[in-house]
Amino acid sequence: MYGALGSLGVALVRSDAAGIFATGKSWFQCPPVVQVNLLGTLPPGVRGKDVIIALCGLFPLDVLNHSVEFMGSEETMTSISMDDRLTISNMSTEWSATSAMFPMDAILERWLRYKATEAAMLEDRTTRQRITHEMVDELFSNPLRSDPGAHYAKKLYLDLSTLSPYISGPNSVKISTPLHDLATKNIKIDKGYIVSCTNSRSSDLKAAAKVFQAAAESNGGRIPKIADGVKLYIAAASAREQAIAEDEGNWQTLVEAGATVLPPSCGPCIGLGTGLLEDGETGVSASNRNFKGRLGSRLAHAYLSSPEVVAASALNGVLSGPGVYEVSETYTGVEYGYGTGKPVTIENELGNALEQLESLIDRVQTTAGIGDDAAQAVTKILPGFPAKISGEIVFADADNLDTDNIYAGKFTYQDDMTTADMAKVCMENYDPEFRSITKPNDILVSGFNFGCGSSREQSATALLAREIPLVVAGSFSNIFVRNGVNNALPCLEVPRLVERLRTSFSENKVSTRRTGWTLTWDIARSIIEVQEGENGERWEEKVGEFPENLQEIIARGGLAGWIKHELAKAA
């Protein structure tokens, strides 16, 4: 048995939801599981946001399309509050994980008991039906646990006691830097944001308010104002969280400091509403994503941090911290550095076992003389699904090319966008010249972790609007592959092709280029054929079979067409 997934939540978008509501069916690829072992305890001044930002930088691709199971001693887990756990789990999506979960322990039970009591007291709210003490009793009578001796695809280790406050960016979650390395650079900020579901609960607002309250002690008790030329935007995670912050006086502290109040809803985090970053501006946000153009202009610089770092930066006018963290004497040497998160290690438990198994299979096939026959195996092609896809390769040379780069958030909620409009703005945040470079039937090839970020389907449909029939990458975010299949856009992983393109076009690198290379995916034979230019090398590579259930969805024009067919059959 593998690591327990427990009550697992995964992303479903509109087409998925429609399919489930209409037919009661969906498709899902079970992910491998990574065990993340947390050691030590969180130092004072270091929070869950620092943990997940550090993980994004220290292990940038190790949990791609995996489910994550956090583990640790009782002492370690006690140092991680429930709100910090929520932040870490929330941002595990940005770490490229499919899902993340913490153990069912006393911290969780106390939190659920508090919520059950609160719900019972708020008799005028529907929350009283969602969670009760009886539900908690039942849940913890037989709590979910990993199976004894469970095997994991990987085991990662992170010593929390070595962490310091971390900053993510600019414009990438995977660029992760200890705050002290950036603080000396006096990076001027224009805007700060304590918003979104990630870090604007009452505890986050309290931490931010403490920055101003501490400064007031040396200011005659008067709450200091935000630095000249800087704007700080605050929006609670919910109306209830804002009410708690108001009852505690922390909301009033932030308002008195000069913060601009926004409603408790999605806003700057998804590039909508008041206070977006403009060309050339720099912002720091306690939200979960800082992709290019995510918080406003694609020409802005966006950083992520904890709420108290946002507050301190707004107060000082430059990226800076509240000064709470103290350097650990244990990890100040050259070996570890200051706040690096080391020692960190990886055990590729399942990966090593699979390598041994593959080696054994190769030896058996060679001995039996069946290798060539296996290579000639033919995949059944369903009616309406192409047996081959072929076209010229257009290379977008970038790793972690996210959905905001593919289809900017500002267009996502515009209901009047036509197919032609979508084609025009496709990849605009990544490369404004993309629309003039690509032609119908081009095959788009990009780097690793393509399509990470939001679950928006338009990242797939915009590429289809440009008449791109196939996307190839070194690796994909699963949510993009899912949206691709659901909208009849196949995706194919070919790491070797990405490496050869990068080697061949290493000089004069550009965002998007026509290569003159052609790719043919022989789906029936599960082989790709690449011709590297008119007089270049020609090579083939075996790829995985494309399963019939996904062929059927694409053959019917996507999940919507498949749903209509299923409903017609049932009628």
Protein backbone atom coordinates (compact mmCIF):
# COMPACT_ATOMS: atom_id res chain seq x y z
CA MET A 1 0.00 0.00 0.00
CA TYR A 2 1.08 3.56 -0.61
CA GLY A 3 0.79 6.65 1.56
CA ALA A 4 -2.70 7.51 2.64
CA LEU A 5 -4.47 10.28 0.74
CA GLY A 6 -7.38 10.50 3.15
CA SER A 7 -10.11 13.01 2.33
CA LEU A 8 -8.46 14.34 -0.78
CA GLY A 9 -9.44 17.53 -2.56
CA VAL A 10 -8.33 18.07 -6.15
CA ALA A 11 -9.06 20.82 -8.66
CA LEU A 12 -12.20 20.52 -10.74
CA VAL A 13 -13.16 23.25 -13.18
CA ARG A 14 -16.39 24.07 -14.96
CA SER A 15 -16.40 21.25 -17.50
CA ASP A 16 -15.54 18.68 -14.84
CA ALA A 17 -18.29 19.95 -12.56
CA ALA A 18 -20.83 19.92 -15.38
CA GLY A 19 -19.89 16.36 -16.26
CA ILE A 20 -20.25 15.15 -12.68
CA PHE A 21 -23.58 16.93 -12.16
CA ALA A 22 -24.97 15.60 -15.45
CA THR A 23 -23.64 12.04 -15.53
CA GLY A 24 -22.17 11.25 -12.10
CA LYS A 25 -18.90 10.34 -13.86
CA SER A 26 -15.46 11.84 -14.18
CA TRP A 27 -11.91 10.73 -14.91
CA PHE A 28 -8.93 10.95 -12.60
CA GLN A 29 -5.32 9.84 -12.73
CA CYS A 30 -4.22 8.68 -9.26
CA PRO A 31 -1.08 10.64 -8.32
CA PRO A 32 2.04 9.24 -6.63
CA VAL A 33 2.55 10.36 -3.03
CA VAL A 34 5.49 12.27 -1.53
CA GLN A 35 6.14 12.17 2.20
CA VAL A 36 7.50 15.50 3.45
CA ASN A 37 9.22 15.02 6.79
CA LEU A 38 9.38 18.23 8.83
CA LEU A 39 12.08 18.33 11.51
CA GLY A 40 12.75 20.76 14.36
CA THR A 41 10.39 23.60 15.22
CA LEU A 42 9.51 26.95 13.69
CA PRO A 43 11.68 29.77 15.12
CA PRO A 44 9.96 32.92 16.46
CA GLY A 45 9.06 35.24 13.60
CA VAL A 46 8.91 32.42 11.01
CA ARG A 47 5.49 31.34 9.77
CA GLY A 48 3.79 28.88 7.47
CA LYS A 49 4.18 31.25 4.51
CA ASP A 50 7.96 31.13 4.96
CA VAL A 51 7.85 27.32 5.04
CA ILE A 52 5.99 26.92 1.76
CA ILE A 53 7.97 29.64 -0.03
CA ALA A 54 11.18 27.91 1.08
CA LEU A 55 9.89 24.53 -0.12
CA CYS A 56 9.04 26.01 -3.54
CA GLY A 57 12.64 27.12 -3.93
CA LEU A 58 14.45 24.21 -2.28
CA PHE A 59 12.49 21.45 -4.06
CA PRO A 60 11.16 23.22 -7.19
CA LEU A 61 10.08 20.16 -9.21
CA ASP A 62 10.18 17.28 -6.74
CA VAL A 63 6.44 17.22 -6.01
CA LEU A 64 5.20 17.96 -9.54
CA ASN A 65 1.82 16.23 -9.94
CA HIS A 66 2.26 14.35 -6.66
CA SER A 67 0.09 14.36 -3.58
CA VAL A 68 1.99 15.58 -0.52
CA GLU A 69 1.69 14.11 2.96
CA PHE A 70 3.33 16.22 5.68
CA MET A 71 4.77 14.30 8.62
CA GLY A 72 6.66 15.23 11.79
CA SER A 73 7.09 14.61 15.48
CA GLU A 74 4.51 15.84 17.98
CA GLU A 75 6.88 18.66 18.97
CA THR A 76 7.34 19.70 15.34
CA MET A 77 3.65 19.63 14.52
CA THR A 78 2.76 21.53 17.68
CA SER A 79 4.93 24.41 16.45
CA ILE A 80 2.82 24.69 13.27
CA SER A 81 -0.52 26.36 14.00
CA MET A 82 -3.69 25.42 12.15
CA ASP A 83 -3.66 28.69 10.21
CA ASP A 84 -0.06 28.03 9.16
CA ARG A 85 -1.07 24.54 8.02
CA LEU A 86 -3.87 26.04 5.95
CA THR A 87 -1.40 28.42 4.29
CA ILE A 88 1.11 25.66 3.55
CA SER A 89 -1.58 23.37 2.11
CA ASN A 90 -3.16 26.21 0.13
CA MET A 91 0.14 27.13 -1.54
CA SER A 92 1.18 23.54 -2.22
CA THR A 93 -0.56 24.09 -5.55
CA GLU A 94 2.10 26.71 -6.35
CA TRP A 95 4.70 24.14 -5.28
CA SER A 96 3.25 22.03 -8.17
CA ALA A 97 1.61 19.40 -5.94
CA THR A 98 -1.80 17.97 -6.82
CA SER A 99 -2.89 18.09 -3.18
CA ALA A 100 -1.45 18.28 0.33
CA MET A 101 -2.54 17.12 3.77
CA PHE A 102 -1.36 17.28 7.38
CA PRO A 103 -1.91 14.50 9.93
CA MET A 104 -5.05 14.25 12.00
CA ASP A 105 -3.69 15.25 15.39
CA ALA A 106 -4.59 17.16 18.54
CA ILE A 107 -4.00 20.52 16.83
CA LEU A 108 -6.61 19.71 14.20
CA GLU A 109 -9.08 18.31 16.74
CA ARG A 110 -8.87 21.42 18.93
CA TRP A 111 -9.42 23.63 15.90
CA LEU A 112 -12.45 21.59 14.80
CA ARG A 113 -13.87 21.70 18.33
CA TYR A 114 -13.53 25.48 18.34
CA LYS A 115 -15.28 25.70 14.96
CA ALA A 116 -18.05 23.38 16.14
CA THR A 117 -18.63 25.50 19.25
CA GLU A 118 -18.57 28.70 17.19
CA ALA A 119 -21.03 27.24 14.68
CA ALA A 120 -23.42 26.22 17.45
CA MET A 121 -23.37 29.76 18.87
CA LEU A 122 -24.09 31.37 15.49
CA GLU A 123 -27.56 29.93 15.14
CA ASP A 124 -28.50 32.32 12.37
CA ARG A 125 -25.74 31.01 10.10
CA THR A 126 -25.78 27.84 7.98
CA THR A 127 -22.35 26.87 9.33
CA ARG A 128 -24.05 25.29 12.35
CA GLN A 129 -25.09 22.43 10.03
CA ARG A 130 -21.62 21.90 8.56
CA ILE A 131 -19.66 20.95 11.65
CA THR A 132 -20.78 19.65 15.03
CA HIS A 133 -19.05 18.05 18.01
CA GLU A 134 -20.75 14.78 17.06
CA MET A 135 -19.09 14.94 13.64
CA VAL A 136 -15.71 15.54 15.28
CA ASP A 137 -16.30 12.60 17.64
CA GLU A 138 -17.01 10.33 14.68
CA LEU A 139 -14.05 11.64 12.68
CA PHE A 140 -11.53 11.05 15.47
CA SER A 141 -12.97 7.72 16.61
CA ASN A 142 -11.01 6.17 13.75
CA PRO A 143 -8.67 8.87 12.39
CA LEU A 144 -7.12 8.42 8.96
CA ARG A 145 -3.51 7.26 9.04
CA SER A 146 -0.99 6.07 6.50
CA ASP A 147 -0.78 2.30 6.25
CA PRO A 148 2.01 0.74 8.33
CA GLY A 149 5.08 0.37 6.13
CA ALA A 150 3.55 2.53 3.40
CA HIS A 151 5.77 3.21 0.39
CA TYR A 152 6.18 6.67 -1.11
CA ALA A 153 7.42 7.90 -4.46
CA LYS A 154 9.84 10.18 -2.58
CA LYS A 155 10.65 11.31 0.94
CA LEU A 156 11.71 14.90 1.46
CA TYR A 157 13.22 16.32 4.65
CA LEU A 158 13.24 19.93 5.82
CA ASP A 159 14.62 21.22 9.12
CA LEU A 160 12.24 24.00 10.17
CA SER A 161 14.65 25.31 12.79
CA THR A 162 17.00 26.49 10.03
CA LEU A 163 14.37 28.68 8.33
CA SER A 164 14.13 32.46 8.34
CA PRO A 165 11.51 34.69 6.72
CA TYR A 166 11.48 34.04 2.97
CA ILE A 167 10.53 36.13 -0.06
CA SER A 168 9.25 34.71 -3.35
CA GLY A 169 9.92 36.50 -6.63
CA PRO A 170 9.93 38.65 -8.54
CA ASN A 171 7.24 37.19 -10.77
CA SER A 172 7.84 33.54 -9.92
CA VAL A 173 6.88 31.38 -6.97
CA LYS A 174 9.92 29.19 -7.62
CA ILE A 175 12.39 32.05 -7.01
CA SER A 176 12.78 31.80 -3.25
CA THR A 177 15.21 33.97 -1.26
CA PRO A 178 15.82 34.49 2.48
CA LEU A 179 14.62 37.96 3.43
CA HIS A 180 17.99 39.05 4.78
CA ASP A 181 19.52 38.61 1.30
CA LEU A 182 16.98 41.03 -0.21
CA ALA A 183 16.66 43.48 2.69
CA THR A 184 20.17 44.86 2.09
CA LYS A 185 19.23 45.78 -1.48
CA ASN A 186 16.63 48.37 -0.36
CA ILE A 187 14.12 47.29 -2.98
CA LYS A 188 11.53 50.09 -3.07
CA ILE A 189 7.91 48.99 -3.10
CA ASP A 190 4.87 50.84 -4.38
CA LYS A 191 2.09 48.59 -3.11
CA GLY A 192 1.49 45.96 -0.45
CA TYR A 193 -1.36 43.47 -0.25
CA ILE A 194 -2.74 41.51 2.70
CA VAL A 195 -5.52 39.80 0.79
CA SER A 196 -6.81 36.41 -0.43
CA CYS A 197 -7.63 33.04 1.09
CA THR A 198 -3.95 32.29 1.66
CA ASN A 199 -2.99 34.82 4.32
CA SER A 200 -5.75 37.22 5.38
CA ARG A 201 -7.36 35.35 8.24
CA SER A 202 -7.71 37.15 11.58
CA SER A 203 -4.39 35.71 12.78
CA ASP A 204 -2.67 37.14 9.70
CA LEU A 205 -4.25 40.56 10.20
CA LYS A 206 -3.17 40.41 13.85
CA ALA A 207 0.44 39.64 12.84
CA ALA A 208 0.43 42.57 10.40
CA ALA A 209 -1.13 44.93 12.96
CA LYS A 210 1.55 44.00 15.51
CA VAL A 211 4.19 45.50 13.20
CA PHE A 212 2.51 48.91 13.46
CA GLN A 213 1.67 48.48 17.13
CA ALA A 214 5.31 47.69 17.95
CA ALA A 215 6.42 50.77 16.05
CA ALA A 216 3.87 52.83 17.99
CA GLU A 217 5.67 52.05 21.26
CA SER A 218 8.58 54.24 20.14
CA ASN A 219 6.24 56.80 18.58
CA GLY A 220 4.49 58.07 21.70
CA GLY A 221 1.81 55.41 21.35
CA ARG A 222 0.66 56.77 17.99
CA ILE A 223 0.21 54.26 15.18
CA PRO A 224 2.73 55.22 12.46
CA LYS A 225 1.62 55.81 8.91
CA ILE A 226 2.52 53.79 5.85
CA ALA A 227 5.59 55.15 4.05
CA ASP A 228 5.08 58.04 1.62
CA GLY A 229 4.30 56.87 -1.88
CA VAL A 230 3.24 53.39 -0.73
CA LYS A 231 -0.28 51.97 -0.67
CA LEU A 232 -1.33 49.02 1.49
CA TYR A 233 -4.48 47.10 0.58
CA ILE A 234 -6.25 44.82 3.05
CA ALA A 235 -9.12 42.40 2.48
CA ALA A 236 -10.09 39.75 5.02
CA ALA A 237 -10.49 36.15 3.92
CA SER A 238 -14.16 36.35 4.90
CA ALA A 239 -16.61 38.67 6.58
CA ARG A 240 -16.32 36.54 9.72
CA GLU A 241 -12.50 36.90 9.78
CA GLN A 242 -12.85 40.67 9.38
CA ALA A 243 -15.33 40.79 12.27
CA ILE A 244 -12.84 38.92 14.50
CA ALA A 245 -10.04 41.31 13.50
CA GLU A 246 -12.32 44.25 14.30
CA ASP A 247 -13.26 42.80 17.70
CA GLU A 248 -9.54 42.43 18.49
CA GLY A 249 -8.77 45.97 17.32
CA ASN A 250 -6.27 44.83 14.69
CA TRP A 251 -8.39 45.92 11.74
CA GLN A 252 -8.61 49.43 13.15
CA THR A 253 -4.82 49.52 13.61
CA LEU A 254 -4.23 48.80 9.92
CA VAL A 255 -6.85 51.34 8.86
CA GLU A 256 -5.33 53.96 11.18
CA ALA A 257 -1.93 53.28 9.57
CA GLY A 258 -3.46 54.24 6.22
CA ALA A 259 -4.45 50.90 4.69
CA THR A 260 -7.06 50.88 1.94
CA VAL A 261 -9.93 48.53 2.76
CA LEU A 262 -11.24 46.13 0.12
CA PRO A 263 -14.24 43.78 0.47
CA PRO A 264 -13.62 40.21 1.69
CA SER A 265 -13.51 38.59 -1.74
CA CYS A 266 -11.17 37.83 -4.62
CA GLY A 267 -9.58 40.98 -6.06
CA PRO A 268 -5.92 41.95 -6.66
CA CYS A 269 -4.90 38.33 -6.12
CA ILE A 270 -6.57 37.42 -9.42
CA GLY A 271 -5.87 40.71 -11.16
CA LEU A 272 -9.28 42.31 -10.65
CA GLY A 273 -10.60 45.44 -9.00
CA THR A 274 -8.83 48.24 -7.15
CA GLY A 275 -5.11 48.62 -6.55
CA LEU A 276 -3.51 46.55 -9.31
CA LEU A 277 0.19 46.97 -10.06
CA GLU A 278 0.92 49.32 -12.94
CA ASP A 279 3.84 49.35 -15.40
CA GLY A 280 7.17 49.46 -13.59
CA GLU A 281 5.69 49.23 -10.08
CA THR A 282 6.86 46.80 -7.40
CA GLY A 283 4.49 45.09 -5.01
CA VAL A 284 4.68 42.56 -2.19
CA SER A 285 1.66 40.41 -1.40
CA ALA A 286 0.60 37.86 1.20
CA SER A 287 -1.42 36.04 -1.47
CA ASN A 288 -0.41 32.80 -3.18
CA ARG A 289 0.67 33.71 -6.72
CA ASN A 290 2.97 36.29 -8.25
CA PHE A 291 3.10 35.15 -11.87
CA LYS A 292 3.88 37.81 -14.44
CA GLY A 293 0.77 39.95 -14.86
CA ARG A 294 -1.09 38.17 -12.06
CA LEU A 295 -1.38 41.25 -9.83
CA GLY A 296 -1.71 43.73 -12.67
CA SER A 297 0.75 44.80 -15.36
CA ARG A 298 3.09 42.24 -16.94
CA LEU A 299 5.75 44.96 -16.65
CA ALA A 300 5.45 45.12 -12.84
CA HIS A 301 7.52 43.22 -10.26
CA ALA A 302 5.57 41.11 -7.77
CA TYR A 303 6.89 39.45 -4.61
CA LEU A 304 5.19 37.14 -2.08
CA SER A 305 5.78 37.08 1.67
CA SER A 306 4.12 36.64 5.05
CA PRO A 307 1.63 39.31 6.23
CA GLU A 308 4.10 40.80 8.73
CA VAL A 309 6.75 41.23 6.03
CA VAL A 310 4.15 42.96 3.83
CA ALA A 311 3.27 45.24 6.75
CA ALA A 312 6.92 46.02 7.56
CA SER A 313 7.67 46.69 3.90
CA ALA A 314 4.71 49.08 3.64
CA LEU A 315 5.84 50.84 6.81
CA ASN A 316 9.45 51.19 5.69
CA GLY A 317 8.86 51.69 1.96
CA VAL A 318 11.30 48.90 1.02
CA LEU A 319 11.26 45.11 1.23
CA SER A 320 11.98 44.47 4.88
CA GLY A 321 10.95 42.44 7.91
CA PRO A 322 9.61 43.32 11.35
CA GLY A 323 12.92 42.44 13.03
CA VAL A 324 11.46 39.61 15.15
CA TYR A 325 13.63 36.84 13.73
CA GLU A 326 16.96 36.15 15.39
CA VAL A 327 19.82 34.33 13.65
CA SER A 328 20.23 30.78 14.92
CA GLU A 329 23.78 30.23 16.18
CA THR A 330 23.57 26.59 15.08
CA TYR A 331 23.28 27.37 11.38
CA THR A 332 25.39 30.45 10.75
CA GLY A 333 28.37 28.63 9.23
CA VAL A 334 29.30 28.22 5.59
CA GLU A 335 27.87 24.71 5.45
CA TYR A 336 24.32 25.80 6.15
CA GLY A 337 24.18 29.56 5.67
CA TYR A 338 21.63 31.82 7.29
CA GLY A 339 18.03 30.74 6.93
CA THR A 340 18.65 28.38 4.02
CA GLY A 341 16.39 25.62 5.24
CA LYS A 342 19.27 23.14 5.19
CA PRO A 343 19.84 20.34 5.79
CA VAL A 344 17.38 19.18 3.16
CA THR A 345 17.47 15.71 1.64
CA ILE A 346 15.54 13.57 -0.81
CA GLU A 347 14.93 9.81 -0.72
CA ASN A 348 13.59 8.55 -4.04
CA GLU A 349 12.17 5.38 -2.52
CA LEU A 350 9.63 4.35 -5.16
CA GLY A 351 11.70 5.82 -7.99
CA ASN A 352 14.65 3.55 -7.15
CA ALA A 353 12.37 0.53 -6.97
CA LEU A 354 10.83 1.39 -10.35
CA GLU A 355 14.28 1.76 -11.93
CA GLN A 356 15.19 -1.72 -10.69
CA LEU A 357 11.89 -3.08 -12.02
CA GLU A 358 12.38 -1.44 -15.44
CA SER A 359 15.90 -2.85 -15.64
CA LEU A 360 14.55 -6.32 -14.83
CA ILE A 361 11.85 -6.01 -17.50
CA ASP A 362 14.45 -4.94 -20.08
CA ARG A 363 16.58 -7.99 -19.26
CA VAL A 364 13.58 -10.32 -19.49
CA GLN A 365 12.50 -8.83 -22.82
CA THR A 366 16.01 -9.10 -24.22
CA THR A 367 16.32 -12.72 -23.11
CA ALA A 368 12.92 -13.59 -24.56
CA GLY A 369 13.55 -11.64 -27.77
CA ILE A 370 10.29 -9.70 -27.49
CA GLY A 371 11.64 -6.14 -27.44
CA ASP A 372 11.11 -5.47 -31.17
CA ASP A 373 7.60 -6.94 -31.11
CA ALA A 374 6.66 -4.72 -28.20
CA ALA A 375 7.87 -1.65 -30.09
CA GLN A 376 5.52 -2.51 -32.95
CA ALA A 377 2.44 -2.78 -30.73
CA VAL A 378 -0.47 -0.79 -32.15
CA THR A 379 -2.82 1.35 -30.06
CA LYS A 380 -6.49 1.10 -30.97
CA ILE A 381 -7.69 4.43 -32.38
CA LEU A 382 -11.33 5.28 -31.77
CA PRO A 383 -13.47 6.85 -34.53
CA GLY A 384 -13.02 10.61 -34.64
CA PHE A 385 -9.62 10.55 -32.93
CA PRO A 386 -6.59 11.24 -35.15
CA ALA A 387 -4.12 8.41 -35.78
CA LYS A 388 -1.38 11.02 -36.36
CA ILE A 389 -0.75 14.68 -35.52
CA SER A 390 1.97 16.51 -37.42
CA GLY A 391 3.21 20.09 -37.71
CA GLU A 392 6.10 22.52 -37.47
CA ILE A 393 7.53 23.08 -34.00
CA VAL A 394 7.22 26.51 -32.42
CA PHE A 395 9.45 26.66 -29.35
CA ALA A 396 8.50 28.72 -26.27
CA ASP A 397 11.69 28.24 -24.27
CA ALA A 398 10.58 28.62 -20.64
CA ASP A 399 10.08 26.43 -17.59
CA ASN A 400 7.10 26.93 -15.25
CA LEU A 401 5.17 28.71 -17.99
CA ASP A 402 2.01 29.42 -16.01
CA THR A 403 -1.62 29.93 -16.93
CA ASP A 404 -1.38 33.70 -16.39
CA ASN A 405 1.31 33.76 -19.06
CA ILE A 406 -0.83 31.63 -21.37
CA TYR A 407 -4.09 33.52 -20.79
CA ALA A 408 -4.01 36.60 -18.58
CA GLY A 409 -6.37 36.67 -15.61
CA LYS A 410 -7.87 40.01 -16.66
CA PHE A 411 -9.50 38.28 -19.65
CA THR A 412 -10.75 35.25 -17.71
CA TYR A 413 -13.87 36.97 -16.39
CA GLN A 414 -14.78 38.87 -19.56
CA ASP A 415 -17.84 37.07 -20.90
CA ASP A 416 -17.74 38.84 -24.27
CA MET A 417 -14.40 37.34 -25.39
CA THR A 418 -14.84 35.68 -28.77
CA THR A 419 -12.66 32.89 -30.14
CA ALA A 420 -10.85 35.47 -32.27
CA ASP A 421 -10.31 37.65 -29.19
CA MET A 422 -8.87 34.70 -27.28
CA ALA A 423 -6.53 33.87 -30.15
CA LYS A 424 -5.28 37.44 -30.21
CA VAL A 425 -4.35 37.59 -26.51
CA CYS A 426 -3.07 34.01 -26.21
CA MET A 427 0.37 33.97 -24.49
CA GLU A 428 0.28 37.78 -24.27
CA ASN A 429 1.85 37.97 -20.80
CA TYR A 430 4.63 35.62 -21.88
CA ASP A 431 5.36 37.07 -25.32
CA PRO A 432 3.24 39.76 -27.02
CA GLU A 433 4.74 38.66 -30.36
CA PHE A 434 3.39 35.11 -30.02
CA ARG A 435 0.33 35.83 -32.13
CA SER A 436 2.41 37.08 -35.04
CA ILE A 437 4.86 34.16 -34.89
CA THR A 438 2.49 31.19 -34.80
CA LYS A 439 0.45 29.75 -37.67
CA PRO A 440 -2.44 27.25 -37.80
CA ASN A 441 -1.39 23.64 -37.12
CA ASP A 442 1.88 24.61 -35.43
CA ILE A 443 2.91 22.30 -32.59
CA LEU A 444 3.82 24.26 -29.46
CA VAL A 445 6.81 22.92 -27.52
CA SER A 446 7.81 24.39 -24.17
CA GLY A 447 9.92 23.52 -21.11
CA PHE A 448 9.11 21.83 -17.81
CA ASN A 449 6.03 22.21 -15.57
CA PHE A 450 4.04 23.80 -18.38
CA GLY A 451 0.59 25.11 -17.45
CA CYS A 452 1.15 25.50 -13.71
CA GLY A 453 -0.93 27.98 -11.73
CA SER A 454 -4.66 28.55 -12.01
CA SER A 455 -7.17 25.93 -13.08
CA ARG A 456 -8.67 28.21 -15.75
CA GLU A 457 -9.76 26.29 -18.85
CA GLN A 458 -9.02 29.28 -21.08
CA SER A 459 -5.32 28.40 -20.92
CA ALA A 460 -6.21 25.41 -23.12
CA THR A 461 -9.01 26.93 -25.19
CA ALA A 462 -6.90 30.01 -26.06
CA LEU A 463 -4.26 27.73 -27.61
CA LEU A 464 -7.00 25.94 -29.52
CA ALA A 465 -8.24 29.34 -30.68
CA ARG A 466 -4.80 29.83 -32.25
CA GLU A 467 -5.40 26.48 -34.03
CA ILE A 468 -2.60 24.69 -32.20
CA PRO A 469 -3.52 20.96 -32.27
CA LEU A 470 -0.89 19.64 -29.82
CA VAL A 471 1.24 20.92 -26.92
CA VAL A 472 4.51 19.16 -26.10
CA ALA A 473 6.58 19.86 -22.98
CA GLY A 474 9.26 18.37 -20.78
CA SER A 475 6.54 17.97 -18.14
CA PHE A 476 3.09 19.39 -17.44
CA SER A 477 1.04 20.49 -14.50
CA ASN A 478 -1.74 17.91 -14.26
CA ILE A 479 -4.47 20.55 -14.19
CA PHE A 480 -3.41 21.81 -17.62
CA VAL A 481 -3.42 18.28 -19.06
CA ARG A 482 -6.86 17.77 -17.58
CA ASN A 483 -8.16 20.99 -19.10
CA GLY A 484 -6.50 20.05 -22.38
CA VAL A 485 -8.27 16.70 -22.59
CA ASN A 486 -11.57 18.24 -21.49
CA ASN A 487 -11.34 20.73 -24.36
CA ALA A 488 -9.86 18.40 -27.03
CA LEU A 489 -6.25 19.61 -26.81
CA PRO A 490 -3.84 16.63 -26.45
CA CYS A 491 -0.64 17.06 -24.43
CA LEU A 492 2.54 15.02 -24.72
CA GLU A 493 5.66 14.88 -22.53
CA VAL A 494 8.95 14.54 -24.44
CA PRO A 495 11.86 15.78 -22.28
CA ARG A 496 14.45 14.73 -24.88
CA LEU A 497 12.92 17.04 -27.49
CA VAL A 498 13.09 20.02 -25.11
CA GLU A 499 16.76 19.36 -24.35
CA ARG A 500 17.67 19.00 -28.05
CA LEU A 501 15.88 22.24 -28.91
CA ARG A 502 17.68 24.06 -26.11
CA THR A 503 21.03 22.72 -27.27
CA SER A 504 20.40 23.62 -30.91
CA PHE A 505 19.06 27.12 -30.21
CA SER A 506 21.19 28.05 -27.19
CA GLU A 507 22.57 31.11 -28.94
CA ASN A 508 20.36 34.14 -29.54
CA LYS A 509 17.65 32.86 -27.22
CA VAL A 510 14.21 34.39 -27.80
CA SER A 511 10.87 33.88 -26.06
CA THR A 512 9.19 32.25 -29.06
CA ARG A 513 10.78 30.99 -32.26
CA ARG A 514 9.86 29.12 -35.36
CA THR A 515 12.33 26.25 -35.54
CA GLY A 516 11.88 24.77 -38.99
CA TRP A 517 11.71 21.39 -37.23
CA THR A 518 8.71 19.11 -37.70
CA LEU A 519 7.15 16.65 -35.29
CA THR A 520 4.81 13.79 -36.11
CA TRP A 521 3.08 11.91 -33.34
CA ASP A 522 2.11 8.47 -34.62
CA ILE A 523 -0.51 7.78 -31.99
CA ALA A 524 -1.35 4.31 -33.28
CA ARG A 525 2.31 3.21 -32.87
CA SER A 526 2.97 5.42 -29.78
CA ILE A 527 6.03 6.93 -31.47
CA ILE A 528 7.10 10.48 -32.22
CA GLU A 529 9.20 11.32 -35.27
CA VAL A 530 11.27 14.52 -35.26
CA GLN A 531 12.94 16.04 -38.31
CA GLU A 532 15.45 18.66 -37.16
CA GLY A 533 15.18 21.01 -40.11
CA GLU A 534 15.41 20.22 -43.81
CA ASN A 535 18.95 18.79 -43.67
CA GLY A 536 19.09 17.94 -39.98
CA GLU A 537 18.94 14.74 -38.02
CA ARG A 538 15.81 12.61 -37.97
CA TRP A 539 14.99 10.54 -34.90
CA GLU A 540 12.20 8.60 -33.26
CA GLU A 541 11.22 7.96 -29.66
CA LYS A 542 8.69 5.69 -28.01
CA VAL A 543 6.05 7.46 -25.94
CA GLY A 544 3.20 6.25 -23.77
CA GLU A 545 -0.06 4.96 -25.24
CA PHE A 546 -2.96 7.40 -25.33
CA PRO A 547 -5.80 5.65 -23.42
CA GLU A 548 -9.14 4.97 -25.06
CA ASN A 549 -11.25 6.72 -22.39
CA LEU A 550 -9.40 10.00 -23.05
CA GLN A 551 -9.49 9.40 -26.81
CA GLU A 552 -13.27 9.21 -26.53
CA ILE A 553 -13.50 12.60 -24.80
CA ILE A 554 -11.31 14.29 -27.41
CA ALA A 555 -13.03 12.52 -30.31
CA ARG A 556 -16.33 14.05 -29.20
CA GLY A 557 -14.83 17.54 -29.20
CA GLY A 558 -14.13 17.63 -25.48
CA LEU A 559 -15.97 16.87 -22.27
CA ALA A 560 -19.05 18.91 -23.21
CA GLY A 561 -19.55 16.79 -26.33
CA TRP A 562 -18.93 13.61 -24.35
CA ILE A 563 -21.54 14.67 -21.76
CA LYS A 564 -24.13 15.28 -24.47
CA HIS A 565 -23.41 11.85 -25.95
CA GLU A 566 -23.76 10.14 -22.55
CA LEU A 567 -27.04 11.93 -21.85
CA ALA A 568 -28.36 10.95 -25.28
CA LYS A 569 -27.50 7.30 -24.62
CA ALA A 570 -29.32 7.41 -21.31
CA ALA A 571 -32.43 9.09 -22.74
